[in-house]
Amino acid sequence: MEDEKLAQLIAEACLEEKAFDVLILDVRDLTVISDYFVLASGRNPIQVKSIVETVEKKLLEQDIKPLRREGHQQGLWAVLDYNAVLLHVFRQQEREYYNLENLWGDARQVEVNNS
């Protein structure tokens, strides 16, 4: 699957679970960590966990598994690593604190397909 399409699929799964401020950043020219970051926010730890679980389930249906997952137990900031795409799901307070949009401010924002 093309990397940008994977990022879109992840963003759409986040939106299904009522994540807000869903954003795709194209970081290919800025870092070797990943090609795309998908950022999403949940209102509380339960919603953060639910967003992560929904993304994993949706991608598993297409036989796509994360290489790593971190932080999902606490529900404050979870990361799913799909190699070319990293999903960061934050509780709103953590997202404001870490402010990855500003940190990666030079990244091109990809429009999220809101189907």
Protein backbone atom coordinates (compact mmCIF):
# COMPACT_ATOMS: atom_id res chain seq x y z
CA MET A 1 0.00 0.00 0.00
CA GLU A 2 1.25 3.47 -0.88
CA ASP A 3 2.46 5.37 2.18
CA GLU A 4 0.15 8.36 1.77
CA LYS A 5 -2.84 6.02 1.32
CA LEU A 6 -1.83 4.24 4.52
CA ALA A 7 -1.71 7.59 6.31
CA GLN A 8 -5.21 8.37 4.98
CA LEU A 9 -6.52 4.99 6.11
CA ILE A 10 -5.13 5.60 9.60
CA ALA A 11 -6.62 9.12 9.71
CA GLU A 12 -10.02 7.81 8.60
CA ALA A 13 -9.96 5.14 11.32
CA CYS A 14 -9.18 7.86 13.88
CA LEU A 15 -12.13 9.92 12.67
CA GLU A 16 -14.42 6.88 12.93
CA GLU A 17 -13.62 6.84 16.63
CA LYS A 18 -14.44 10.57 16.91
CA ALA A 19 -10.83 11.71 17.22
CA PHE A 20 -10.44 15.43 16.69
CA ASP A 21 -7.75 17.65 15.20
CA VAL A 22 -6.68 14.79 12.91
CA LEU A 23 -3.71 15.91 10.86
CA ILE A 24 -1.34 14.25 8.39
CA LEU A 25 2.17 15.69 8.10
CA ASP A 26 4.48 14.78 5.22
CA VAL A 27 7.89 14.63 6.91
CA ARG A 28 9.79 12.81 4.14
CA ASP A 29 12.14 15.72 3.53
CA LEU A 30 12.66 16.46 7.24
CA THR A 31 13.52 13.17 8.95
CA VAL A 32 14.49 9.56 8.37
CA ILE A 33 12.22 8.42 11.21
CA SER A 34 9.15 8.15 9.00
CA ASP A 35 7.54 9.54 5.85
CA TYR A 36 4.25 10.62 7.41
CA PHE A 37 3.01 11.47 10.86
CA VAL A 38 -0.68 11.17 11.63
CA LEU A 39 -1.67 13.21 14.68
CA ALA A 40 -4.99 12.79 16.45
CA SER A 41 -6.48 13.85 19.77
CA GLY A 42 -8.85 12.21 22.21
CA ARG A 43 -10.74 13.88 25.00
CA ASN A 44 -9.66 11.42 27.69
CA PRO A 45 -7.49 8.30 28.19
CA ILE A 46 -10.37 5.97 27.34
CA GLN A 47 -10.93 7.65 23.98
CA VAL A 48 -7.18 7.66 23.24
CA LYS A 49 -7.06 3.90 23.84
CA SER A 50 -10.21 3.39 21.77
CA ILE A 51 -8.74 5.33 18.82
CA VAL A 52 -5.56 3.22 18.94
CA GLU A 53 -7.54 -0.03 19.12
CA THR A 54 -9.77 0.99 16.20
CA VAL A 55 -6.78 1.88 14.02
CA GLU A 56 -5.09 -1.44 14.82
CA LYS A 57 -8.28 -3.38 14.08
CA LYS A 58 -8.94 -1.59 10.77
CA LEU A 59 -5.39 -2.12 9.57
CA LEU A 60 -5.29 -5.74 10.71
CA GLU A 61 -8.29 -6.33 8.44
CA GLN A 62 -5.88 -5.48 5.61
CA ASP A 63 -3.11 -7.58 7.17
CA ILE A 64 -1.13 -4.50 8.23
CA LYS A 65 0.43 -4.76 11.68
CA PRO A 66 2.33 -2.10 13.61
CA LEU A 67 6.05 -2.68 14.08
CA ARG A 68 5.81 -1.13 17.55
CA ARG A 69 3.23 0.37 19.85
CA GLU A 70 4.00 2.52 22.85
CA GLY A 71 2.05 4.38 25.53
CA HIS A 72 -1.35 2.88 24.89
CA GLN A 73 -1.73 1.65 28.48
CA GLN A 74 -1.70 5.12 30.03
CA GLY A 75 -3.91 6.70 27.38
CA LEU A 76 -2.10 10.05 27.44
CA TRP A 77 0.05 9.67 24.32
CA ALA A 78 0.14 6.51 22.24
CA VAL A 79 2.28 5.78 19.20
CA LEU A 80 1.72 3.13 16.55
CA ASP A 81 4.68 2.61 14.22
CA TYR A 82 3.74 1.44 10.74
CA ASN A 83 7.28 2.05 9.45
CA ALA A 84 6.57 4.75 6.84
CA VAL A 85 3.70 6.14 8.91
CA LEU A 86 3.73 6.96 12.62
CA LEU A 87 0.44 7.54 14.39
CA HIS A 88 0.52 9.78 17.46
CA VAL A 89 -2.70 9.83 19.49
CA PHE A 90 -2.72 12.32 22.33
CA ARG A 91 -5.03 13.32 25.09
CA GLN A 92 -5.69 16.99 24.33
CA GLN A 93 -3.51 18.34 27.17
CA GLU A 94 -0.49 16.28 26.03
CA ARG A 95 -0.96 17.34 22.43
CA GLU A 96 -0.91 21.00 23.43
CA TYR A 97 2.15 20.42 25.62
CA TYR A 98 4.25 18.53 23.04
CA ASN A 99 2.96 20.62 20.11
CA LEU A 100 4.34 18.38 17.35
CA GLU A 101 2.64 20.55 14.73
CA ASN A 102 4.98 23.38 15.72
CA LEU A 103 8.01 21.11 16.13
CA TRP A 104 7.47 19.79 12.60
CA GLY A 105 6.22 23.15 11.31
CA ASP A 106 8.13 22.83 8.03
CA ALA A 107 6.23 19.65 7.12
CA ARG A 108 3.66 19.78 4.36
CA GLN A 109 0.13 19.16 5.67
CA VAL A 110 -1.78 16.55 3.70
CA GLU A 111 -5.52 17.06 3.46
CA VAL A 112 -7.39 14.36 5.38
CA ASN A 113 -10.07 12.62 3.34
CA ASN A 114 -13.11 13.08 5.54
CA SER A 115 -15.36 10.47 3.93
